[in-house]
Amino acid sequence: SMTDSLGAAEFVAALIKSSAAGIVNLLPAIIFVVGCLLAFAT
C-alpha cells in the first residue's frame, strides 16, 4: 500500500514509455528485468 501511494506504477510507466523508442530490440530483456524488480519490490 505504501509503494502504491508513492506512485511506483506511474514512475515505472513514465520511465519505460520515455525510453522505449530507441531500444526496441532490447525491449524484451528490459521489460523482463523491470518485471523482476517490480514484482520483487511489491
ModelCIF file with pLDDT and N, C-alpha, C, O atoms, coordinates in Angstrom:
data_MODEL
#
_entry.id   MODEL 
#
_entity.id                         1 
_entity.type                       polymer 
_entity.pdbx_number_of_molecules   1 
#
_entity_poly.entity_id                      1 
_entity_poly.type                           'polypeptide(L)' 
_entity_poly.nstd_linkage                   no 
_entity_poly.nstd_monomer                   no 
_entity_poly.pdbx_seq_one_letter_code       SMTDSLGAAEFVAALIKSSAAGIVNLLPAIIFVVGCLLAFAT 
_entity_poly.pdbx_seq_one_letter_code_can   SMTDSLGAAEFVAALIKSSAAGIVNLLPAIIFVVGCLLAFAT 
_entity_poly.pdbx_strand_id                 A 
#
loop_
_entity_poly_seq.entity_id 
_entity_poly_seq.num 
_entity_poly_seq.mon_id 
_entity_poly_seq.hetero 
1 1  SER n 
1 2  MET n 
1 3  THR n 
1 4  ASP n 
1 5  SER n 
1 6  LEU n 
1 7  GLY n 
1 8  ALA n 
1 9  ALA n 
1 10 GLU n 
1 11 PHE n 
1 12 VAL n 
1 13 ALA n 
1 14 ALA n 
1 15 LEU n 
1 16 ILE n 
1 17 LYS n 
1 18 SER n 
1 19 SER n 
1 20 ALA n 
1 21 ALA n 
1 22 GLY n 
1 23 ILE n 
1 24 VAL n 
1 25 ASN n 
1 26 LEU n 
1 27 LEU n 
1 28 PRO n 
1 29 ALA n 
1 30 ILE n 
1 31 ILE n 
1 32 PHE n 
1 33 VAL n 
1 34 VAL n 
1 35 GLY n 
1 36 CYS n 
1 37 LEU n 
1 38 LEU n 
1 39 ALA n 
1 40 PHE n 
1 41 ALA n 
1 42 THR n 
#
_struct_asym.id          A 
_struct_asym.entity_id   1 
#
loop_
_ma_qa_metric.id 
_ma_qa_metric.mode 
_ma_qa_metric.name 
_ma_qa_metric.software_group_id 
_ma_qa_metric.type 
1 global pLDDT . pLDDT 
2 local  pLDDT . pLDDT 
#
_ma_qa_metric_global.metric_id      1 
_ma_qa_metric_global.metric_value   75.55 
_ma_qa_metric_global.model_id       1 
_ma_qa_metric_global.ordinal_id     1 
#
loop_
_ma_qa_metric_local.label_asym_id 
_ma_qa_metric_local.label_comp_id 
_ma_qa_metric_local.label_seq_id 
_ma_qa_metric_local.metric_id 
_ma_qa_metric_local.metric_value 
_ma_qa_metric_local.model_id 
_ma_qa_metric_local.ordinal_id 
A SER 1  2 74.00 1 1  
A MET 2  2 72.00 1 2  
A THR 3  2 69.00 1 3  
A ASP 4  2 71.00 1 4  
A SER 5  2 78.00 1 5  
A LEU 6  2 74.00 1 6  
A GLY 7  2 74.00 1 7  
A ALA 8  2 67.00 1 8  
A ALA 9  2 64.00 1 9  
A GLU 10 2 70.00 1 10 
A PHE 11 2 69.00 1 11 
A VAL 12 2 63.00 1 12 
A ALA 13 2 63.00 1 13 
A ALA 14 2 68.00 1 14 
A LEU 15 2 65.00 1 15 
A ILE 16 2 62.00 1 16 
A LYS 17 2 63.00 1 17 
A SER 18 2 63.00 1 18 
A SER 19 2 61.00 1 19 
A ALA 20 2 58.00 1 20 
A ALA 21 2 57.00 1 21 
A GLY 22 2 61.00 1 22 
A ILE 23 2 73.00 1 23 
A VAL 24 2 73.00 1 24 
A ASN 25 2 78.00 1 25 
A LEU 26 2 83.00 1 26 
A LEU 27 2 84.00 1 27 
A PRO 28 2 87.00 1 28 
A ALA 29 2 89.00 1 29 
A ILE 30 2 88.00 1 30 
A ILE 31 2 88.00 1 31 
A PHE 32 2 92.00 1 32 
A VAL 33 2 91.00 1 33 
A VAL 34 2 89.00 1 34 
A GLY 35 2 89.00 1 35 
A CYS 36 2 90.00 1 36 
A LEU 37 2 89.00 1 37 
A LEU 38 2 86.00 1 38 
A ALA 39 2 87.00 1 39 
A PHE 40 2 87.00 1 40 
A ALA 41 2 84.00 1 41 
A THR 42 2 80.00 1 42 
#
loop_
_atom_site.group_PDB 
_atom_site.id 
_atom_site.type_symbol 
_atom_site.label_atom_id 
_atom_site.label_alt_id 
_atom_site.label_comp_id 
_atom_site.label_asym_id 
_atom_site.label_entity_id 
_atom_site.label_seq_id 
_atom_site.pdbx_PDB_ins_code 
_atom_site.Cartn_x 
_atom_site.Cartn_y 
_atom_site.Cartn_z 
_atom_site.occupancy 
_atom_site.B_iso_or_equiv 
_atom_site.pdbx_formal_charge 
_atom_site.auth_seq_id 
_atom_site.auth_comp_id 
_atom_site.auth_asym_id 
_atom_site.auth_atom_id 
_atom_site.pdbx_PDB_model_num 
ATOM 1   N N  . SER A 1 1  ? 0.831  -1.211 0.000   1.00 74.00 ? 1  SER A N  1 
ATOM 2   C CA . SER A 1 1  ? 0.000  0.000  0.000   1.00 74.00 ? 1  SER A CA 1 
ATOM 3   C C  . SER A 1 1  ? 0.863  1.257  0.000   1.00 74.00 ? 1  SER A C  1 
ATOM 4   O O  . SER A 1 1  ? 0.543  2.236  -0.675  1.00 74.00 ? 1  SER A O  1 
ATOM 5   N N  . MET A 1 2  ? 1.957  1.228  0.759   1.00 72.00 ? 2  MET A N  1 
ATOM 6   C CA . MET A 1 2  ? 2.860  2.381  0.778   1.00 72.00 ? 2  MET A CA 1 
ATOM 7   C C  . MET A 1 2  ? 3.513  2.581  -0.590  1.00 72.00 ? 2  MET A C  1 
ATOM 8   O O  . MET A 1 2  ? 3.648  3.712  -1.056  1.00 72.00 ? 2  MET A O  1 
ATOM 9   N N  . THR A 1 3  ? 3.916  1.483  -1.232  1.00 69.00 ? 3  THR A N  1 
ATOM 10  C CA . THR A 1 3  ? 4.519  1.571  -2.565  1.00 69.00 ? 3  THR A CA 1 
ATOM 11  C C  . THR A 1 3  ? 3.535  2.144  -3.564  1.00 69.00 ? 3  THR A C  1 
ATOM 12  O O  . THR A 1 3  ? 3.905  2.983  -4.385  1.00 69.00 ? 3  THR A O  1 
ATOM 13  N N  . ASP A 1 4  ? 2.276  1.700  -3.507  1.00 71.00 ? 4  ASP A N  1 
ATOM 14  C CA . ASP A 1 4  ? 1.245  2.239  -4.393  1.00 71.00 ? 4  ASP A CA 1 
ATOM 15  C C  . ASP A 1 4  ? 1.015  3.722  -4.133  1.00 71.00 ? 4  ASP A C  1 
ATOM 16  O O  . ASP A 1 4  ? 0.832  4.498  -5.071  1.00 71.00 ? 4  ASP A O  1 
ATOM 17  N N  . SER A 1 5  ? 1.023  4.121  -2.855  1.00 78.00 ? 5  SER A N  1 
ATOM 18  C CA . SER A 1 5  ? 0.792  5.518  -2.500  1.00 78.00 ? 5  SER A CA 1 
ATOM 19  C C  . SER A 1 5  ? 1.921  6.421  -2.984  1.00 78.00 ? 5  SER A C  1 
ATOM 20  O O  . SER A 1 5  ? 1.696  7.590  -3.300  1.00 78.00 ? 5  SER A O  1 
ATOM 21  N N  . LEU A 1 6  ? 3.136  5.876  -3.040  1.00 74.00 ? 6  LEU A N  1 
ATOM 22  C CA . LEU A 1 6  ? 4.269  6.674  -3.514  1.00 74.00 ? 6  LEU A CA 1 
ATOM 23  C C  . LEU A 1 6  ? 4.291  6.825  -5.032  1.00 74.00 ? 6  LEU A C  1 
ATOM 24  O O  . LEU A 1 6  ? 5.074  7.610  -5.566  1.00 74.00 ? 6  LEU A O  1 
ATOM 25  N N  . GLY A 1 7  ? 3.435  6.076  -5.731  1.00 74.00 ? 7  GLY A N  1 
ATOM 26  C CA . GLY A 1 7  ? 3.333  6.215  -7.187  1.00 74.00 ? 7  GLY A CA 1 
ATOM 27  C C  . GLY A 1 7  ? 4.352  5.406  -7.957  1.00 74.00 ? 7  GLY A C  1 
ATOM 28  O O  . GLY A 1 7  ? 4.856  5.863  -8.983  1.00 74.00 ? 7  GLY A O  1 
ATOM 29  N N  . ALA A 1 8  ? 4.667  4.206  -7.480  1.00 67.00 ? 8  ALA A N  1 
ATOM 30  C CA . ALA A 1 8  ? 5.642  3.354  -8.171  1.00 67.00 ? 8  ALA A CA 1 
ATOM 31  C C  . ALA A 1 8  ? 5.164  2.991  -9.572  1.00 67.00 ? 8  ALA A C  1 
ATOM 32  O O  . ALA A 1 8  ? 5.960  2.973  -10.511 1.00 67.00 ? 8  ALA A O  1 
ATOM 33  N N  . ALA A 1 9  ? 3.877  2.703  -9.722  1.00 64.00 ? 9  ALA A N  1 
ATOM 34  C CA . ALA A 1 9  ? 3.347  2.308  -11.037 1.00 64.00 ? 9  ALA A CA 1 
ATOM 35  C C  . ALA A 1 9  ? 3.510  3.425  -12.052 1.00 64.00 ? 9  ALA A C  1 
ATOM 36  O O  . ALA A 1 9  ? 3.932  3.183  -13.183 1.00 64.00 ? 9  ALA A O  1 
ATOM 37  N N  . GLU A 1 10 ? 3.180  4.646  -11.656 1.00 70.00 ? 10 GLU A N  1 
ATOM 38  C CA . GLU A 1 10 ? 3.280  5.791  -12.567 1.00 70.00 ? 10 GLU A CA 1 
ATOM 39  C C  . GLU A 1 10 ? 4.741  6.069  -12.936 1.00 70.00 ? 10 GLU A C  1 
ATOM 40  O O  . GLU A 1 10 ? 5.050  6.405  -14.079 1.00 70.00 ? 10 GLU A O  1 
ATOM 41  N N  . PHE A 1 11 ? 5.645  5.921  -11.938 1.00 69.00 ? 11 PHE A N  1 
ATOM 42  C CA . PHE A 1 11 ? 7.067  6.162  -12.191 1.00 69.00 ? 11 PHE A CA 1 
ATOM 43  C C  . PHE A 1 11 ? 7.612  5.176  -13.219 1.00 69.00 ? 11 PHE A C  1 
ATOM 44  O O  . PHE A 1 11 ? 8.292  5.569  -14.166 1.00 69.00 ? 11 PHE A O  1 
ATOM 45  N N  . VAL A 1 12 ? 7.307  3.883  -13.025 1.00 63.00 ? 12 VAL A N  1 
ATOM 46  C CA . VAL A 1 12 ? 7.797  2.854  -13.955 1.00 63.00 ? 12 VAL A CA 1 
ATOM 47  C C  . VAL A 1 12 ? 7.200  3.056  -15.342 1.00 63.00 ? 12 VAL A C  1 
ATOM 48  O O  . VAL A 1 12 ? 7.895  2.907  -16.346 1.00 63.00 ? 12 VAL A O  1 
ATOM 49  N N  . ALA A 1 13 ? 5.917  3.394  -15.401 1.00 63.00 ? 13 ALA A N  1 
ATOM 50  C CA . ALA A 1 13 ? 5.255  3.614  -16.694 1.00 63.00 ? 13 ALA A CA 1 
ATOM 51  C C  . ALA A 1 13 ? 5.913  4.760  -17.454 1.00 63.00 ? 13 ALA A C  1 
ATOM 52  O O  . ALA A 1 13 ? 6.187  4.633  -18.648 1.00 63.00 ? 13 ALA A O  1 
ATOM 53  N N  . ALA A 1 14 ? 6.171  5.881  -16.772 1.00 68.00 ? 14 ALA A N  1 
ATOM 54  C CA . ALA A 1 14 ? 6.787  7.035  -17.428 1.00 68.00 ? 14 ALA A CA 1 
ATOM 55  C C  . ALA A 1 14 ? 8.213  6.720  -17.875 1.00 68.00 ? 14 ALA A C  1 
ATOM 56  O O  . ALA A 1 14 ? 8.640  7.144  -18.949 1.00 68.00 ? 14 ALA A O  1 
ATOM 57  N N  . LEU A 1 15 ? 8.942  5.982  -17.054 1.00 65.00 ? 15 LEU A N  1 
ATOM 58  C CA . LEU A 1 15 ? 10.323 5.642  -17.374 1.00 65.00 ? 15 LEU A CA 1 
ATOM 59  C C  . LEU A 1 15 ? 10.403 4.771  -18.627 1.00 65.00 ? 15 LEU A C  1 
ATOM 60  O O  . LEU A 1 15 ? 11.237 5.010  -19.501 1.00 65.00 ? 15 LEU A O  1 
ATOM 61  N N  . ILE A 1 16 ? 9.540  3.769  -18.714 1.00 62.00 ? 16 ILE A N  1 
ATOM 62  C CA . ILE A 1 16 ? 9.592  2.858  -19.866 1.00 62.00 ? 16 ILE A CA 1 
ATOM 63  C C  . ILE A 1 16 ? 9.097  3.548  -21.129 1.00 62.00 ? 16 ILE A C  1 
ATOM 64  O O  . ILE A 1 16 ? 9.691  3.387  -22.195 1.00 62.00 ? 16 ILE A O  1 
ATOM 65  N N  . LYS A 1 17 ? 8.016  4.315  -21.020 1.00 63.00 ? 17 LYS A N  1 
ATOM 66  C CA . LYS A 1 17 ? 7.486  4.996  -22.209 1.00 63.00 ? 17 LYS A CA 1 
ATOM 67  C C  . LYS A 1 17 ? 8.485  5.986  -22.783 1.00 63.00 ? 17 LYS A C  1 
ATOM 68  O O  . LYS A 1 17 ? 8.581  6.130  -24.001 1.00 63.00 ? 17 LYS A O  1 
ATOM 69  N N  . SER A 1 18 ? 9.223  6.663  -21.931 1.00 63.00 ? 18 SER A N  1 
ATOM 70  C CA . SER A 1 18 ? 10.162 7.684  -22.416 1.00 63.00 ? 18 SER A CA 1 
ATOM 71  C C  . SER A 1 18 ? 11.382 7.068  -23.086 1.00 63.00 ? 18 SER A C  1 
ATOM 72  O O  . SER A 1 18 ? 11.987 7.702  -23.951 1.00 63.00 ? 18 SER A O  1 
ATOM 73  N N  . SER A 1 19 ? 11.760 5.849  -22.709 1.00 61.00 ? 19 SER A N  1 
ATOM 74  C CA . SER A 1 19 ? 12.993 5.270  -23.243 1.00 61.00 ? 19 SER A CA 1 
ATOM 75  C C  . SER A 1 19 ? 12.771 4.113  -24.206 1.00 61.00 ? 19 SER A C  1 
ATOM 76  O O  . SER A 1 19 ? 13.740 3.525  -24.686 1.00 61.00 ? 19 SER A O  1 
ATOM 77  N N  . ALA A 1 20 ? 11.518 3.769  -24.501 1.00 58.00 ? 20 ALA A N  1 
ATOM 78  C CA . ALA A 1 20 ? 11.252 2.569  -25.306 1.00 58.00 ? 20 ALA A CA 1 
ATOM 79  C C  . ALA A 1 20 ? 11.569 2.744  -26.778 1.00 58.00 ? 20 ALA A C  1 
ATOM 80  O O  . ALA A 1 20 ? 11.892 1.764  -27.450 1.00 58.00 ? 20 ALA A O  1 
ATOM 81  N N  . ALA A 1 21 ? 11.488 3.959  -27.300 1.00 57.00 ? 21 ALA A N  1 
ATOM 82  C CA . ALA A 1 21 ? 11.618 4.145  -28.745 1.00 57.00 ? 21 ALA A CA 1 
ATOM 83  C C  . ALA A 1 21 ? 13.013 3.798  -29.258 1.00 57.00 ? 21 ALA A C  1 
ATOM 84  O O  . ALA A 1 21 ? 13.133 3.204  -30.329 1.00 57.00 ? 21 ALA A O  1 
ATOM 85  N N  . GLY A 1 22 ? 14.053 4.143  -28.539 1.00 61.00 ? 22 GLY A N  1 
ATOM 86  C CA . GLY A 1 22 ? 15.409 3.953  -29.042 1.00 61.00 ? 22 GLY A CA 1 
ATOM 87  C C  . GLY A 1 22 ? 15.993 2.574  -28.806 1.00 61.00 ? 22 GLY A C  1 
ATOM 88  O O  . GLY A 1 22 ? 17.062 2.266  -29.333 1.00 61.00 ? 22 GLY A O  1 
ATOM 89  N N  . ILE A 1 23 ? 15.339 1.754  -28.045 1.00 73.00 ? 23 ILE A N  1 
ATOM 90  C CA . ILE A 1 23 ? 15.918 0.457  -27.662 1.00 73.00 ? 23 ILE A CA 1 
ATOM 91  C C  . ILE A 1 23 ? 14.953 -0.684 -27.949 1.00 73.00 ? 23 ILE A C  1 
ATOM 92  O O  . ILE A 1 23 ? 14.750 -1.561 -27.110 1.00 73.00 ? 23 ILE A O  1 
ATOM 93  N N  . VAL A 1 24 ? 14.371 -0.668 -29.116 1.00 73.00 ? 24 VAL A N  1 
ATOM 94  C CA . VAL A 1 24 ? 13.309 -1.625 -29.444 1.00 73.00 ? 24 VAL A CA 1 
ATOM 95  C C  . VAL A 1 24 ? 13.804 -3.071 -29.381 1.00 73.00 ? 24 VAL A C  1 
ATOM 96  O O  . VAL A 1 24 ? 13.092 -3.935 -28.869 1.00 73.00 ? 24 VAL A O  1 
ATOM 97  N N  . ASN A 1 25 ? 15.005 -3.353 -29.887 1.00 78.00 ? 25 ASN A N  1 
ATOM 98  C CA . ASN A 1 25 ? 15.486 -4.735 -29.908 1.00 78.00 ? 25 ASN A CA 1 
ATOM 99  C C  . ASN A 1 25 ? 15.828 -5.267 -28.523 1.00 78.00 ? 25 ASN A C  1 
ATOM 100 O O  . ASN A 1 25 ? 15.787 -6.476 -28.296 1.00 78.00 ? 25 ASN A O  1 
ATOM 101 N N  . LEU A 1 26 ? 16.164 -4.377 -27.598 1.00 83.00 ? 26 LEU A N  1 
ATOM 102 C CA . LEU A 1 26 ? 16.456 -4.806 -26.234 1.00 83.00 ? 26 LEU A CA 1 
ATOM 103 C C  . LEU A 1 26 ? 15.240 -4.696 -25.316 1.00 83.00 ? 26 LEU A C  1 
ATOM 104 O O  . LEU A 1 26 ? 15.335 -4.979 -24.122 1.00 83.00 ? 26 LEU A O  1 
ATOM 105 N N  . LEU A 1 27 ? 14.112 -4.291 -25.865 1.00 84.00 ? 27 LEU A N  1 
ATOM 106 C CA . LEU A 1 27 ? 12.924 -4.059 -25.049 1.00 84.00 ? 27 LEU A CA 1 
ATOM 107 C C  . LEU A 1 27 ? 12.462 -5.312 -24.289 1.00 84.00 ? 27 LEU A C  1 
ATOM 108 O O  . LEU A 1 27 ? 12.116 -5.191 -23.114 1.00 84.00 ? 27 LEU A O  1 
ATOM 109 N N  . PRO A 1 28 ? 12.438 -6.518 -24.903 1.00 87.00 ? 28 PRO A N  1 
ATOM 110 C CA . PRO A 1 28 ? 12.025 -7.691 -24.120 1.00 87.00 ? 28 PRO A CA 1 
ATOM 111 C C  . PRO A 1 28 ? 12.909 -7.938 -22.893 1.00 87.00 ? 28 PRO A C  1 
ATOM 112 O O  . PRO A 1 28 ? 12.401 -8.247 -21.816 1.00 87.00 ? 28 PRO A O  1 
ATOM 113 N N  . ALA A 1 29 ? 14.220 -7.803 -23.051 1.00 89.00 ? 29 ALA A N  1 
ATOM 114 C CA . ALA A 1 29 ? 15.127 -8.014 -21.919 1.00 89.00 ? 29 ALA A CA 1 
ATOM 115 C C  . ALA A 1 29 ? 14.922 -6.953 -20.843 1.00 89.00 ? 29 ALA A C  1 
ATOM 116 O O  . ALA A 1 29 ? 14.962 -7.260 -19.651 1.00 89.00 ? 29 ALA A O  1 
ATOM 117 N N  . ILE A 1 30 ? 14.703 -5.710 -21.256 1.00 88.00 ? 30 ILE A N  1 
ATOM 118 C CA . ILE A 1 30 ? 14.494 -4.621 -20.292 1.00 88.00 ? 30 ILE A CA 1 
ATOM 119 C C  . ILE A 1 30 ? 13.180 -4.815 -19.553 1.00 88.00 ? 30 ILE A C  1 
ATOM 120 O O  . ILE A 1 30 ? 13.115 -4.630 -18.338 1.00 88.00 ? 30 ILE A O  1 
ATOM 121 N N  . ILE A 1 31 ? 12.131 -5.188 -20.282 1.00 88.00 ? 31 ILE A N  1 
ATOM 122 C CA . ILE A 1 31 ? 10.833 -5.434 -19.637 1.00 88.00 ? 31 ILE A CA 1 
ATOM 123 C C  . ILE A 1 31 ? 10.941 -6.610 -18.665 1.00 88.00 ? 31 ILE A C  1 
ATOM 124 O O  . ILE A 1 31 ? 10.325 -6.591 -17.600 1.00 88.00 ? 31 ILE A O  1 
ATOM 125 N N  . PHE A 1 32 ? 11.720 -7.631 -19.026 1.00 92.00 ? 32 PHE A N  1 
ATOM 126 C CA . PHE A 1 32 ? 11.925 -8.770 -18.130 1.00 92.00 ? 32 PHE A CA 1 
ATOM 127 C C  . PHE A 1 32 ? 12.565 -8.317 -16.821 1.00 92.00 ? 32 PHE A C  1 
ATOM 128 O O  . PHE A 1 32 ? 12.104 -8.693 -15.743 1.00 92.00 ? 32 PHE A O  1 
ATOM 129 N N  . VAL A 1 33 ? 13.621 -7.515 -16.908 1.00 91.00 ? 33 VAL A N  1 
ATOM 130 C CA . VAL A 1 33 ? 14.319 -7.034 -15.704 1.00 91.00 ? 33 VAL A CA 1 
ATOM 131 C C  . VAL A 1 33 ? 13.413 -6.133 -14.874 1.00 91.00 ? 33 VAL A C  1 
ATOM 132 O O  . VAL A 1 33 ? 13.362 -6.256 -13.651 1.00 91.00 ? 33 VAL A O  1 
ATOM 133 N N  . VAL A 1 34 ? 12.698 -5.225 -15.539 1.00 89.00 ? 34 VAL A N  1 
ATOM 134 C CA . VAL A 1 34 ? 11.780 -4.326 -14.825 1.00 89.00 ? 34 VAL A CA 1 
ATOM 135 C C  . VAL A 1 34 ? 10.683 -5.131 -14.137 1.00 89.00 ? 34 VAL A C  1 
ATOM 136 O O  . VAL A 1 34 ? 10.325 -4.840 -12.996 1.00 89.00 ? 34 VAL A O  1 
ATOM 137 N N  . GLY A 1 35 ? 10.143 -6.149 -14.826 1.00 89.00 ? 35 GLY A N  1 
ATOM 138 C CA . GLY A 1 35 ? 9.125  -7.009 -14.225 1.00 89.00 ? 35 GLY A CA 1 
ATOM 139 C C  . GLY A 1 35 ? 9.648  -7.750 -13.010 1.00 89.00 ? 35 GLY A C  1 
ATOM 140 O O  . GLY A 1 35 ? 8.952  -7.866 -12.002 1.00 89.00 ? 35 GLY A O  1 
ATOM 141 N N  . CYS A 1 36 ? 10.891 -8.258 -13.102 1.00 90.00 ? 36 CYS A N  1 
ATOM 142 C CA . CYS A 1 36 ? 11.503 -8.950 -11.954 1.00 90.00 ? 36 CYS A CA 1 
ATOM 143 C C  . CYS A 1 36 ? 11.624 -8.013 -10.758 1.00 90.00 ? 36 CYS A C  1 
ATOM 144 O O  . CYS A 1 36 ? 11.212 -8.352 -9.649  1.00 90.00 ? 36 CYS A O  1 
ATOM 145 N N  . LEU A 1 37 ? 12.188 -6.840 -10.989 1.00 89.00 ? 37 LEU A N  1 
ATOM 146 C CA . LEU A 1 37 ? 12.428 -5.896 -9.894  1.00 89.00 ? 37 LEU A CA 1 
ATOM 147 C C  . LEU A 1 37 ? 11.125 -5.377 -9.290  1.00 89.00 ? 37 LEU A C  1 
ATOM 148 O O  . LEU A 1 37 ? 10.997 -5.257 -8.072  1.00 89.00 ? 37 LEU A O  1 
ATOM 149 N N  . LEU A 1 38 ? 10.168 -5.072 -10.153 1.00 86.00 ? 38 LEU A N  1 
ATOM 150 C CA . LEU A 1 38 ? 8.892  -4.536 -9.665  1.00 86.00 ? 38 LEU A CA 1 
ATOM 151 C C  . LEU A 1 38 ? 8.126  -5.584 -8.855  1.00 86.00 ? 38 LEU A C  1 
ATOM 152 O O  . LEU A 1 38 ? 7.571  -5.273 -7.802  1.00 86.00 ? 38 LEU A O  1 
ATOM 153 N N  . ALA A 1 39 ? 8.095  -6.820 -9.345  1.00 87.00 ? 39 ALA A N  1 
ATOM 154 C CA . ALA A 1 39 ? 7.398  -7.883 -8.610  1.00 87.00 ? 39 ALA A CA 1 
ATOM 155 C C  . ALA A 1 39 ? 8.122  -8.216 -7.310  1.00 87.00 ? 39 ALA A C  1 
ATOM 156 O O  . ALA A 1 39 ? 7.480  -8.507 -6.301  1.00 87.00 ? 39 ALA A O  1 
ATOM 157 N N  . PHE A 1 40 ? 9.450  -8.174 -7.327  1.00 87.00 ? 40 PHE A N  1 
ATOM 158 C CA . PHE A 1 40 ? 10.206 -8.426 -6.099  1.00 87.00 ? 40 PHE A CA 1 
ATOM 159 C C  . PHE A 1 40 ? 9.927  -7.337 -5.065  1.00 87.00 ? 40 PHE A C  1 
ATOM 160 O O  . PHE A 1 40 ? 9.784  -7.626 -3.876  1.00 87.00 ? 40 PHE A O  1 
ATOM 161 N N  . ALA A 1 41 ? 9.850  -6.094 -5.518  1.00 84.00 ? 41 ALA A N  1 
ATOM 162 C CA . ALA A 1 41 ? 9.648  -4.972 -4.591  1.00 84.00 ? 41 ALA A CA 1 
ATOM 163 C C  . ALA A 1 41 ? 8.227  -4.919 -4.046  1.00 84.00 ? 41 ALA A C  1 
ATOM 164 O O  . ALA A 1 41 ? 8.017  -4.563 -2.887  1.00 84.00 ? 41 ALA A O  1 
ATOM 165 N N  . THR A 1 42 ? 7.253  -5.272 -4.877  1.00 80.00 ? 42 THR A N  1 
ATOM 166 C CA . THR A 1 42 ? 5.854  -5.167 -4.437  1.00 80.00 ? 42 THR A CA 1 
ATOM 167 C C  . THR A 1 42 ? 5.301  -6.485 -3.914  1.00 80.00 ? 42 THR A C  1 
ATOM 168 O O  . THR A 1 42 ? 4.140  -6.549 -3.510  1.00 80.00 ? 42 THR A O  1 
#
